[in-house]
């Protein structure tokens, strides 16, 4: 068995898939645009980023540190 890796645009990929199917060739598509991150995690990060840009933040200073840790 041989492996052939082809990098092409969507339209050409569609034609290549049809060609391979016509010749009954097994193939695998690796979606490069798919994020390796969990979508729920990404959503939470984006929401928190937006919230921070709107000014919803807490400044960590000596006063807060003393309140939290008593030091």
PDB file of N, CA and C in Angstrom:
ATOM      1  N   UNK A   1       0.841  -1.175   0.000  1.00  0.00           N
ATOM      2  CA  UNK A   1       0.000   0.000   0.000  1.00  0.00           C
ATOM      3  C   UNK A   1       0.889   1.242   0.000  1.00  0.00           C
ATOM      4  N   UNK A   2       0.459   2.281  -0.686  1.00  0.00           N
ATOM      5  CA  UNK A   2       1.165   3.555  -0.727  1.00  0.00           C
ATOM      6  C   UNK A   2       0.281   4.643  -0.148  1.00  0.00           C
ATOM      7  N   UNK A   3       0.916   5.662   0.388  1.00  0.00           N
ATOM      8  CA  UNK A   3       0.210   6.828   0.896  1.00  0.00           C
ATOM      9  C   UNK A   3       0.586   8.021   0.043  1.00  0.00           C
ATOM     10  N   UNK A   4      -0.427   8.730  -0.427  1.00  0.00           N
ATOM     11  CA  UNK A   4      -0.216   9.932  -1.232  1.00  0.00           C
ATOM     12  C   UNK A   4      -0.878  11.093  -0.499  1.00  0.00           C
ATOM     13  N   UNK A   5      -0.121  12.128  -0.224  1.00  0.00           N
ATOM     14  CA  UNK A   5      -0.654  13.308   0.451  1.00  0.00           C
ATOM     15  C   UNK A   5      -0.778  14.424  -0.571  1.00  0.00           C
ATOM     16  N   UNK A   6      -1.998  14.953  -0.694  1.00  0.00           N
ATOM     17  CA  UNK A   6      -2.277  16.003  -1.679  1.00  0.00           C
ATOM     18  C   UNK A   6      -2.797  17.232  -0.938  1.00  0.00           C
ATOM     19  N   UNK A   7      -2.212  18.382  -1.204  1.00  0.00           N
ATOM     20  CA  UNK A   7      -2.659  19.647  -0.627  1.00  0.00           C
ATOM     21  C   UNK A   7      -3.325  20.445  -1.748  1.00  0.00           C
ATOM     22  N   UNK A   8      -4.615  20.712  -1.589  1.00  0.00           N
ATOM     23  CA  UNK A   8      -5.336  21.433  -2.639  1.00  0.00           C
ATOM     24  C   UNK A   8      -6.515  22.196  -2.050  1.00  0.00           C
ATOM     25  N   UNK A   9      -7.159  23.007  -2.886  1.00  0.00           N
ATOM     26  CA  UNK A   9      -8.314  23.771  -2.428  1.00  0.00           C
ATOM     27  C   UNK A   9      -9.571  22.901  -2.421  1.00  0.00           C
ATOM     28  N   UNK A  10     -10.647  23.433  -1.896  1.00  0.00           N
ATOM     29  CA  UNK A  10     -11.878  22.681  -1.686  1.00  0.00           C
ATOM     30  C   UNK A  10     -12.483  22.147  -2.979  1.00  0.00           C
ATOM     31  N   UNK A  11     -12.510  22.954  -4.017  1.00  0.00           N
ATOM     32  CA  UNK A  11     -13.112  22.518  -5.283  1.00  0.00           C
ATOM     33  C   UNK A  11     -12.345  21.347  -5.897  1.00  0.00           C
ATOM     34  N   UNK A  12     -11.031  21.450  -5.911  1.00  0.00           N
ATOM     35  CA  UNK A  12     -10.224  20.361  -6.470  1.00  0.00           C
ATOM     36  C   UNK A  12     -10.327  19.118  -5.597  1.00  0.00           C
ATOM     37  N   UNK A  13     -10.399  19.314  -4.292  1.00  0.00           N
ATOM     38  CA  UNK A  13     -10.533  18.176  -3.381  1.00  0.00           C
ATOM     39  C   UNK A  13     -11.841  17.438  -3.648  1.00  0.00           C
ATOM     40  N   UNK A  14     -12.886  18.180  -3.916  1.00  0.00           N
ATOM     41  CA  UNK A  14     -14.191  17.571  -4.208  1.00  0.00           C
ATOM     42  C   UNK A  14     -14.082  16.684  -5.460  1.00  0.00           C
ATOM     43  N   UNK A  15     -13.438  17.202  -6.493  1.00  0.00           N
ATOM     44  CA  UNK A  15     -13.267  16.438  -7.735  1.00  0.00           C
ATOM     45  C   UNK A  15     -12.398  15.199  -7.503  1.00  0.00           C
ATOM     46  N   UNK A  16     -11.339  15.361  -6.715  1.00  0.00           N
ATOM     47  CA  UNK A  16     -10.473  14.222  -6.420  1.00  0.00           C
ATOM     48  C   UNK A  16     -11.218  13.132  -5.660  1.00  0.00           C
ATOM     49  N   UNK A  17     -12.063  13.524  -4.719  1.00  0.00           N
ATOM     50  CA  UNK A  17     -12.859  12.550  -3.967  1.00  0.00           C
ATOM     51  C   UNK A  17     -13.788  11.780  -4.898  1.00  0.00           C
ATOM     52  N   UNK A  18     -14.423  12.475  -5.834  1.00  0.00           N
ATOM     53  CA  UNK A  18     -15.302  11.814  -6.797  1.00  0.00           C
ATOM     54  C   UNK A  18     -14.516  10.822  -7.651  1.00  0.00           C
ATOM     55  N   UNK A  19     -13.325  11.225  -8.058  1.00  0.00           N
ATOM     56  CA  UNK A  19     -12.465  10.363  -8.855  1.00  0.00           C
ATOM     57  C   UNK A  19     -12.095   9.103  -8.070  1.00  0.00           C
ATOM     58  N   UNK A  20     -11.677   9.279  -6.834  1.00  0.00           N
ATOM     59  CA  UNK A  20     -11.284   8.146  -6.006  1.00  0.00           C
ATOM     60  C   UNK A  20     -12.460   7.210  -5.741  1.00  0.00           C
ATOM     61  N   UNK A  21     -13.615   7.779  -5.507  1.00  0.00           N
ATOM     62  CA  UNK A  21     -14.814   6.959  -5.286  1.00  0.00           C
ATOM     63  C   UNK A  21     -15.180   6.168  -6.541  1.00  0.00           C
ATOM     64  N   UNK A  22     -15.018   6.790  -7.715  1.00  0.00           N
ATOM     65  CA  UNK A  22     -15.323   6.109  -8.968  1.00  0.00           C
ATOM     66  C   UNK A  22     -14.420   4.896  -9.169  1.00  0.00           C
ATOM     67  N   UNK A  23     -13.178   4.998  -8.705  1.00  0.00           N
ATOM     68  CA  UNK A  23     -12.235   3.886  -8.818  1.00  0.00           C
ATOM     69  C   UNK A  23     -12.207   3.015  -7.555  1.00  0.00           C
ATOM     70  N   UNK A  24     -13.146   3.264  -6.668  1.00  0.00           N
ATOM     71  CA  UNK A  24     -13.284   2.500  -5.422  1.00  0.00           C
ATOM     72  C   UNK A  24     -11.975   2.458  -4.624  1.00  0.00           C
ATOM     73  N   UNK A  25     -11.360   3.629  -4.502  1.00  0.00           N
ATOM     74  CA  UNK A  25     -10.125   3.770  -3.740  1.00  0.00           C
ATOM     75  C   UNK A  25     -10.480   4.327  -2.367  1.00  0.00           C
ATOM     76  N   UNK A  26     -10.007   3.652  -1.311  1.00  0.00           N
ATOM     77  CA  UNK A  26     -10.212   4.152   0.047  1.00  0.00           C
ATOM     78  C   UNK A  26      -9.359   5.398   0.253  1.00  0.00           C
ATOM     79  N   UNK A  27      -9.916   6.381   0.926  1.00  0.00           N
ATOM     80  CA  UNK A  27      -9.164   7.596   1.224  1.00  0.00           C
ATOM     81  C   UNK A  27      -9.599   8.159   2.571  1.00  0.00           C
ATOM     82  N   UNK A  28      -8.763   9.016   3.106  1.00  0.00           N
ATOM     83  CA  UNK A  28      -9.026   9.639   4.397  1.00  0.00           C
ATOM     84  C   UNK A  28      -8.787  11.126   4.252  1.00  0.00           C
ATOM     85  N   UNK A  29      -9.680  11.924   4.806  1.00  0.00           N
ATOM     86  CA  UNK A  29      -9.557  13.378   4.738  1.00  0.00           C
ATOM     87  C   UNK A  29      -9.164  13.894   6.113  1.00  0.00           C
ATOM     88  N   UNK A  30      -8.091  14.657   6.173  1.00  0.00           N
ATOM     89  CA  UNK A  30      -7.633  15.283   7.405  1.00  0.00           C
ATOM     90  C   UNK A  30      -8.010  16.749   7.330  1.00  0.00           C
ATOM     91  N   UNK A  31      -8.993  17.154   8.132  1.00  0.00           N
ATOM     92  CA  UNK A  31      -9.480  18.537   8.108  1.00  0.00           C
ATOM     93  C   UNK A  31      -8.510  19.435   8.867  1.00  0.00           C
ATOM     94  N   UNK A  32      -7.687  20.184   8.147  1.00  0.00           N
ATOM     95  CA  UNK A  32      -6.668  21.043   8.745  1.00  0.00           C
ATOM     96  C   UNK A  32      -7.280  22.252   9.452  1.00  0.00           C
ATOM     97  N   UNK A  33      -8.512  22.617   9.079  1.00  0.00           N
ATOM     98  CA  UNK A  33      -9.150  23.789   9.677  1.00  0.00           C
ATOM     99  C   UNK A  33      -9.775  23.487  11.033  1.00  0.00           C
ATOM    100  N   UNK A  34      -9.908  22.222  11.362  1.00  0.00           N
ATOM    101  CA  UNK A  34     -10.534  21.839  12.613  1.00  0.00           C
ATOM    102  C   UNK A  34      -9.580  22.137  13.770  1.00  0.00           C
ATOM    103  N   UNK A  35     -10.118  22.785  14.788  1.00  0.00           N
ATOM    104  CA  UNK A  35      -9.314  23.152  15.953  1.00  0.00           C
ATOM    105  C   UNK A  35      -9.045  21.931  16.826  1.00  0.00           C
ATOM    106  N   UNK A  36      -7.842  21.825  17.369  1.00  0.00           N
ATOM    107  CA  UNK A  36      -7.550  20.712  18.278  1.00  0.00           C
ATOM    108  C   UNK A  36      -8.120  20.928  19.675  1.00  0.00           C
ATOM    109  N   UNK A  37      -8.746  22.092  19.914  1.00  0.00           N
ATOM    110  CA  UNK A  37      -9.253  22.425  21.233  1.00  0.00           C
ATOM    111  C   UNK A  37     -10.732  22.090  21.370  1.00  0.00           C
ATOM    112  N   UNK A  38     -11.112  21.760  22.581  1.00  0.00           N
ATOM    113  CA  UNK A  38     -12.511  21.478  22.901  1.00  0.00           C
ATOM    114  C   UNK A  38     -13.335  22.742  22.656  1.00  0.00           C
ATOM    115  N   UNK A  39     -14.413  22.661  21.873  1.00  0.00           N
ATOM    116  CA  UNK A  39     -15.214  23.851  21.546  1.00  0.00           C
ATOM    117  C   UNK A  39     -15.785  24.562  22.784  1.00  0.00           C
ATOM    118  N   UNK A  40     -16.170  23.808  23.811  1.00  0.00           N
ATOM    119  CA  UNK A  40     -16.700  24.427  25.027  1.00  0.00           C
ATOM    120  C   UNK A  40     -15.617  25.236  25.743  1.00  0.00           C
ATOM    121  N   UNK A  41     -14.395  24.710  25.753  1.00  0.00           N
ATOM    122  CA  UNK A  41     -13.269  25.413  26.369  1.00  0.00           C
ATOM    123  C   UNK A  41     -12.997  26.722  25.624  1.00  0.00           C
ATOM    124  N   UNK A  42     -12.982  26.662  24.304  1.00  0.00           N
ATOM    125  CA  UNK A  42     -12.745  27.857  23.482  1.00  0.00           C
ATOM    126  C   UNK A  42     -13.828  28.897  23.749  1.00  0.00           C
ATOM    127  N   UNK A  43     -15.078  28.446  23.847  1.00  0.00           N
ATOM    128  CA  UNK A  43     -16.195  29.357  24.107  1.00  0.00           C
ATOM    129  C   UNK A  43     -16.008  30.078  25.442  1.00  0.00           C
ATOM    130  N   UNK A  44     -15.612  29.333  26.494  1.00  0.00           N
ATOM    131  CA  UNK A  44     -15.408  29.942  27.807  1.00  0.00           C
ATOM    132  C   UNK A  44     -14.276  30.972  27.771  1.00  0.00           C
ATOM    133  N   UNK A  45     -13.190  30.631  27.091  1.00  0.00           N
ATOM    134  CA  UNK A  45     -12.048  31.548  27.008  1.00  0.00           C
ATOM    135  C   UNK A  45     -12.444  32.829  26.279  1.00  0.00           C
ATOM    136  N   UNK A  46     -13.172  32.695  25.180  1.00  0.00           N
ATOM    137  CA  UNK A  46     -13.596  33.876  24.414  1.00  0.00           C
ATOM    138  C   UNK A  46     -14.550  34.743  25.221  1.00  0.00           C
ATOM    139  N   UNK A  47     -15.456  34.112  25.990  1.00  0.00           N
ATOM    140  CA  UNK A  47     -16.384  34.876  26.828  1.00  0.00           C
ATOM    141  C   UNK A  47     -15.627  35.650  27.908  1.00  0.00           C
ATOM    142  N   UNK A  48     -14.638  35.007  28.523  1.00  0.00           N
ATOM    143  CA  UNK A  48     -13.869  35.665  29.579  1.00  0.00           C
ATOM    144  C   UNK A  48     -13.001  36.791  29.005  1.00  0.00           C
ATOM    145  N   UNK A  49     -12.495  36.586  27.806  1.00  0.00           N
ATOM    146  CA  UNK A  49     -11.709  37.626  27.160  1.00  0.00           C
ATOM    147  C   UNK A  49     -12.575  38.854  26.882  1.00  0.00           C
ATOM    148  N   UNK A  50     -13.771  38.619  26.397  1.00  0.00           N
ATOM    149  CA  UNK A  50     -14.701  39.709  26.117  1.00  0.00           C
ATOM    150  C   UNK A  50     -15.053  40.434  27.413  1.00  0.00           C
ATOM    151  N   UNK A  51     -15.302  39.670  28.468  1.00  0.00           N
ATOM    152  CA  UNK A  51     -15.636  40.246  29.763  1.00  0.00           C
ATOM    153  C   UNK A  51     -14.492  41.117  30.290  1.00  0.00           C
ATOM    154  N   UNK A  52     -13.262  40.647  30.138  1.00  0.00           N
ATOM    155  CA  UNK A  52     -12.099  41.411  30.592  1.00  0.00           C
ATOM    156  C   UNK A  52     -11.952  42.705  29.794  1.00  0.00           C
ATOM    157  N   UNK A  53     -12.211  42.643  28.494  1.00  0.00           N
ATOM    158  CA  UNK A  53     -12.122  43.842  27.657  1.00  0.00           C
ATOM    159  C   UNK A  53     -13.161  44.876  28.063  1.00  0.00           C
ATOM    160  N   UNK A  54     -14.278  44.400  28.629  1.00  0.00           N
ATOM    161  CA  UNK A  54     -15.338  45.297  29.094  1.00  0.00           C
ATOM    162  C   UNK A  54     -15.047  45.858  30.481  1.00  0.00           C
ATOM    163  N   UNK A  55     -13.912  45.455  31.046  1.00  0.00           N
ATOM    164  CA  UNK A  55     -13.510  45.997  32.334  1.00  0.00           C
ATOM    165  C   UNK A  55     -13.863  45.141  33.536  1.00  0.00           C
ATOM    166  N   UNK A  56     -14.407  43.969  33.324  1.00  0.00           N
ATOM    167  CA  UNK A  56     -14.775  43.085  34.426  1.00  0.00           C
ATOM    168  C   UNK A  56     -13.554  42.274  34.866  1.00  0.00           C
ATOM    169  N   UNK A  57     -12.688  42.933  35.637  1.00  0.00           N
ATOM    170  CA  UNK A  57     -11.462  42.289  36.092  1.00  0.00           C
ATOM    171  C   UNK A  57     -11.256  42.561  37.582  1.00  0.00           C
ATOM    172  N   UNK A  58     -10.356  41.832  38.176  1.00  0.00           N
ATOM    173  CA  UNK A  58      -9.963  42.048  39.558  1.00  0.00           C
ATOM    174  C   UNK A  58      -8.457  42.272  39.565  1.00  0.00           C
ATOM    175  N   UNK A  59      -8.030  43.356  40.177  1.00  0.00           N
ATOM    176  CA  UNK A  59      -6.607  43.652  40.253  1.00  0.00           C
ATOM    177  C   UNK A  59      -6.029  42.927  41.465  1.00  0.00           C
ATOM    178  N   UNK A  60      -5.024  42.141  41.236  1.00  0.00           N
ATOM    179  CA  UNK A  60      -4.359  41.401  42.306  1.00  0.00           C
ATOM    180  C   UNK A  60      -3.243  42.277  42.853  1.00  0.00           C
ATOM    181  N   UNK A  61      -3.431  42.782  44.044  1.00  0.00           N
ATOM    182  CA  UNK A  61      -2.414  43.627  44.664  1.00  0.00           C
ATOM    183  C   UNK A  61      -2.172  43.152  46.094  1.00  0.00           C
ATOM    184  N   UNK A  62      -1.358  43.890  46.833  1.00  0.00           N
ATOM    185  CA  UNK A  62      -1.022  43.484  48.201  1.00  0.00           C
ATOM    186  C   UNK A  62      -2.252  43.434  49.095  1.00  0.00           C
ATOM    187  N   UNK A  63      -3.169  44.365  48.905  1.00  0.00           N
ATOM    188  CA  UNK A  63      -4.385  44.392  49.721  1.00  0.00           C
ATOM    189  C   UNK A  63      -5.197  43.114  49.511  1.00  0.00           C
ATOM    190  N   UNK A  64      -5.402  42.718  48.296  1.00  0.00           N
ATOM    191  CA  UNK A  64      -6.157  41.491  47.989  1.00  0.00           C
ATOM    192  C   UNK A  64      -5.416  40.267  48.505  1.00  0.00           C
ATOM    193  N   UNK A  65      -4.100  40.251  48.324  1.00  0.00           N
ATOM    194  CA  UNK A  65      -3.307  39.115  48.792  1.00  0.00           C
ATOM    195  C   UNK A  65      -3.455  38.947  50.302  1.00  0.00           C
ATOM    196  N   UNK A  66      -3.425  40.036  51.022  1.00  0.00           N
ATOM    197  CA  UNK A  66      -3.587  39.980  52.488  1.00  0.00           C
ATOM    198  C   UNK A  66      -4.968  39.483  52.873  1.00  0.00           C
ATOM    199  N   UNK A  67      -6.003  39.914  52.135  1.00  0.00           N
ATOM    200  CA  UNK A  67      -7.364  39.462  52.405  1.00  0.00           C
ATOM    201  C   UNK A  67      -7.508  37.961  52.128  1.00  0.00           C
ATOM    202  N   UNK A  68      -6.879  37.506  51.062  1.00  0.00           N
ATOM    203  CA  UNK A  68      -7.003  36.091  50.698  1.00  0.00           C
ATOM    204  C   UNK A  68      -6.143  35.171  51.554  1.00  0.00           C
ATOM    205  N   UNK A  69      -4.922  35.603  51.823  1.00  0.00           N
ATOM    206  CA  UNK A  69      -3.953  34.717  52.490  1.00  0.00           C
ATOM    207  C   UNK A  69      -3.529  35.179  53.873  1.00  0.00           C
ATOM    208  N   UNK A  70      -3.952  36.346  54.282  1.00  0.00           N
ATOM    209  CA  UNK A  70      -3.611  36.847  55.599  1.00  0.00           C
ATOM    210  C   UNK A  70      -2.148  37.140  55.806  1.00  0.00           C
ATOM    211  N   UNK A  71      -1.422  37.391  54.753  1.00  0.00           N
ATOM    212  CA  UNK A  71       0.014  37.671  54.870  1.00  0.00           C
ATOM    213  C   UNK A  71       0.309  39.078  54.444  1.00  0.00           C
TER     214      UNK A  71
END
